Amino acid sequence: QVQLVESGGGLVQAGGSLRLSCAASGRTFSSVNMGWFRQAPGKEREFVSAVTWSGDSTYYADSVKGRFTISRDNAKNTVYLQMNSLKPEDTAVYYCASTPLRTTDAYWLFQSNVYRYWGQGTQVTVSS
């Protein structure tokens, strides 16, 4: 069983920055792909970003490309999401997730149903 715990959310003004962290339990962290998703009120959960187990490949939704950066520290069992130039439309609950699917194919990493373990989420609110 893997446990994921997000932190770092909060309230920020438009144009500001936040850094989300996701701490994972278990010994398999360095061998699994990790992703970030978000869900705004009344909307479907959507893909934000993903990173492969080695950290060599990263993926972003078009809506966050150039503003968000995903990274991981396998020694600390932690994945990060640096969010810059935040916009009100970034307001959502952000979730990290892990998948045992060892792929570098973006098609699969964008799909929420390939992720097995999910954190409880952290709220990000961007005011205008």
Protein backbone atom coordinates (compact mmCIF):
# COMPACT_ATOMS: atom_id res chain seq x y z
CA GLN A 1 0.00 0.00 0.00
CA VAL A 2 1.27 3.42 -0.97
CA GLN A 3 0.25 6.57 0.83
CA LEU A 4 0.54 9.97 -0.81
CA VAL A 5 0.30 13.20 1.16
CA GLU A 6 0.14 16.56 -0.60
CA SER A 7 1.06 19.89 0.95
CA GLY A 8 1.80 23.44 -0.09
CA GLY A 9 -1.58 24.62 -1.27
CA GLY A 10 -3.07 27.93 -0.23
CA LEU A 11 -4.41 31.28 -1.30
CA VAL A 12 -2.35 33.40 -3.68
CA GLN A 13 -2.96 36.41 -5.87
CA ALA A 14 -2.94 36.12 -9.63
CA GLY A 15 0.62 36.19 -10.92
CA GLY A 16 1.95 34.59 -7.76
CA SER A 17 3.62 31.25 -7.16
CA LEU A 18 3.12 28.14 -5.08
CA ARG A 19 5.09 24.94 -4.72
CA LEU A 20 3.18 21.77 -4.06
CA SER A 21 4.83 18.72 -2.54
CA CYS A 22 3.70 15.12 -2.47
CA ALA A 23 5.39 12.78 -0.02
CA ALA A 24 5.07 9.08 -0.72
CA SER A 25 5.44 6.11 1.57
CA GLY A 26 6.80 2.77 0.47
CA ARG A 27 9.91 1.44 -1.20
CA THR A 28 8.69 1.57 -4.78
CA PHE A 29 8.61 5.33 -5.27
CA SER A 30 11.72 5.43 -7.45
CA SER A 31 10.23 2.89 -9.84
CA VAL A 32 6.83 4.47 -10.50
CA ASN A 33 5.59 7.31 -12.65
CA MET A 34 3.96 10.17 -10.77
CA GLY A 35 1.30 12.62 -11.84
CA TRP A 36 -0.55 15.72 -10.72
CA PHE A 37 -4.22 16.24 -11.45
CA ARG A 38 -6.67 18.93 -10.42
CA GLN A 39 -10.39 19.30 -10.01
CA ALA A 40 -12.26 22.58 -9.91
CA PRO A 41 -15.80 22.83 -8.50
CA GLY A 42 -18.33 21.44 -10.93
CA LYS A 43 -15.66 20.19 -13.32
CA GLU A 44 -14.08 16.87 -14.18
CA ARG A 45 -10.69 15.95 -12.77
CA GLU A 46 -8.04 16.93 -15.31
CA PHE A 47 -4.43 16.07 -15.96
CA VAL A 48 -1.86 18.71 -15.03
CA SER A 49 1.58 17.13 -15.23
CA ALA A 50 3.52 13.88 -14.95
CA VAL A 51 7.09 12.72 -14.49
CA THR A 52 8.62 9.35 -15.24
CA TRP A 53 10.21 7.20 -12.53
CA SER A 54 13.72 8.44 -13.34
CA GLY A 55 12.70 12.07 -13.69
CA ASP A 56 14.09 12.13 -17.21
CA SER A 57 10.76 12.86 -18.92
CA THR A 58 8.08 15.34 -17.98
CA TYR A 59 4.65 16.06 -19.41
CA TYR A 60 2.29 19.02 -19.12
CA ALA A 61 -1.22 19.96 -20.03
CA ASP A 62 -1.29 22.78 -22.55
CA SER A 63 -3.00 25.03 -20.01
CA VAL A 64 0.01 24.96 -17.65
CA LYS A 65 2.91 24.51 -20.05
CA GLY A 66 5.57 27.16 -19.50
CA ARG A 67 4.18 28.08 -16.06
CA PHE A 68 4.35 24.84 -14.06
CA THR A 69 7.35 22.59 -13.48
CA ILE A 70 7.23 19.06 -12.14
CA SER A 71 10.21 17.43 -10.49
CA ARG A 72 10.99 14.58 -8.13
CA ASP A 73 13.54 13.67 -5.53
CA ASN A 74 13.68 9.89 -5.27
CA ALA A 75 15.96 10.06 -2.24
CA LYS A 76 13.19 11.90 -0.41
CA ASN A 77 10.27 10.00 -1.93
CA THR A 78 8.78 13.33 -2.96
CA VAL A 79 7.41 14.86 -6.13
CA TYR A 80 6.98 18.61 -6.54
CA LEU A 81 4.90 20.93 -8.66
CA GLN A 82 6.25 24.46 -8.94
CA MET A 83 3.46 26.73 -10.11
CA ASN A 84 4.33 30.20 -11.38
CA SER A 85 2.27 32.96 -12.99
CA LEU A 86 -0.86 31.55 -11.41
CA LYS A 87 -4.23 32.47 -12.84
CA PRO A 88 -7.69 32.39 -11.28
CA GLU A 89 -8.56 29.47 -13.56
CA ASP A 90 -5.85 27.43 -11.80
CA THR A 91 -8.06 27.36 -8.71
CA ALA A 92 -8.78 23.73 -7.86
CA VAL A 93 -7.99 20.87 -5.55
CA TYR A 94 -4.69 19.41 -6.66
CA TYR A 95 -4.02 15.69 -6.33
CA CYS A 96 -0.85 13.69 -6.78
CA ALA A 97 -1.06 10.11 -7.94
CA SER A 98 1.18 7.19 -8.73
CA THR A 99 0.92 4.55 -11.39
CA PRO A 100 2.71 1.22 -11.69
CA LEU A 101 2.51 1.56 -15.47
CA ARG A 102 6.10 2.02 -16.57
CA THR A 103 5.58 3.94 -19.75
CA THR A 104 6.89 7.08 -21.36
CA ASP A 105 3.85 7.31 -23.62
CA ALA A 106 2.11 10.60 -22.86
CA TYR A 107 -1.25 9.19 -23.97
CA TRP A 108 -1.34 6.84 -21.00
CA LEU A 109 0.17 9.24 -18.48
CA PHE A 110 -2.59 11.75 -19.23
CA GLN A 111 -5.26 9.18 -18.26
CA SER A 112 -6.41 9.31 -14.63
CA ASN A 113 -7.57 5.69 -14.72
CA VAL A 114 -4.00 4.33 -14.99
CA TYR A 115 -3.09 5.83 -11.62
CA ARG A 116 -3.59 3.45 -8.73
CA TYR A 117 -2.84 5.54 -5.65
CA TRP A 118 -4.06 9.05 -4.92
CA GLY A 119 -3.45 11.62 -2.25
CA GLN A 120 -6.18 13.45 -0.40
CA GLY A 121 -5.65 16.67 -2.32
CA THR A 122 -4.58 20.19 -1.46
CA GLN A 123 -6.60 23.31 -2.22
CA VAL A 124 -5.11 26.01 -4.42
CA THR A 125 -7.04 29.26 -4.68
CA VAL A 126 -5.91 32.07 -6.96
CA SER A 127 -7.60 35.42 -6.46
CA SER A 128 -7.92 37.99 -9.21
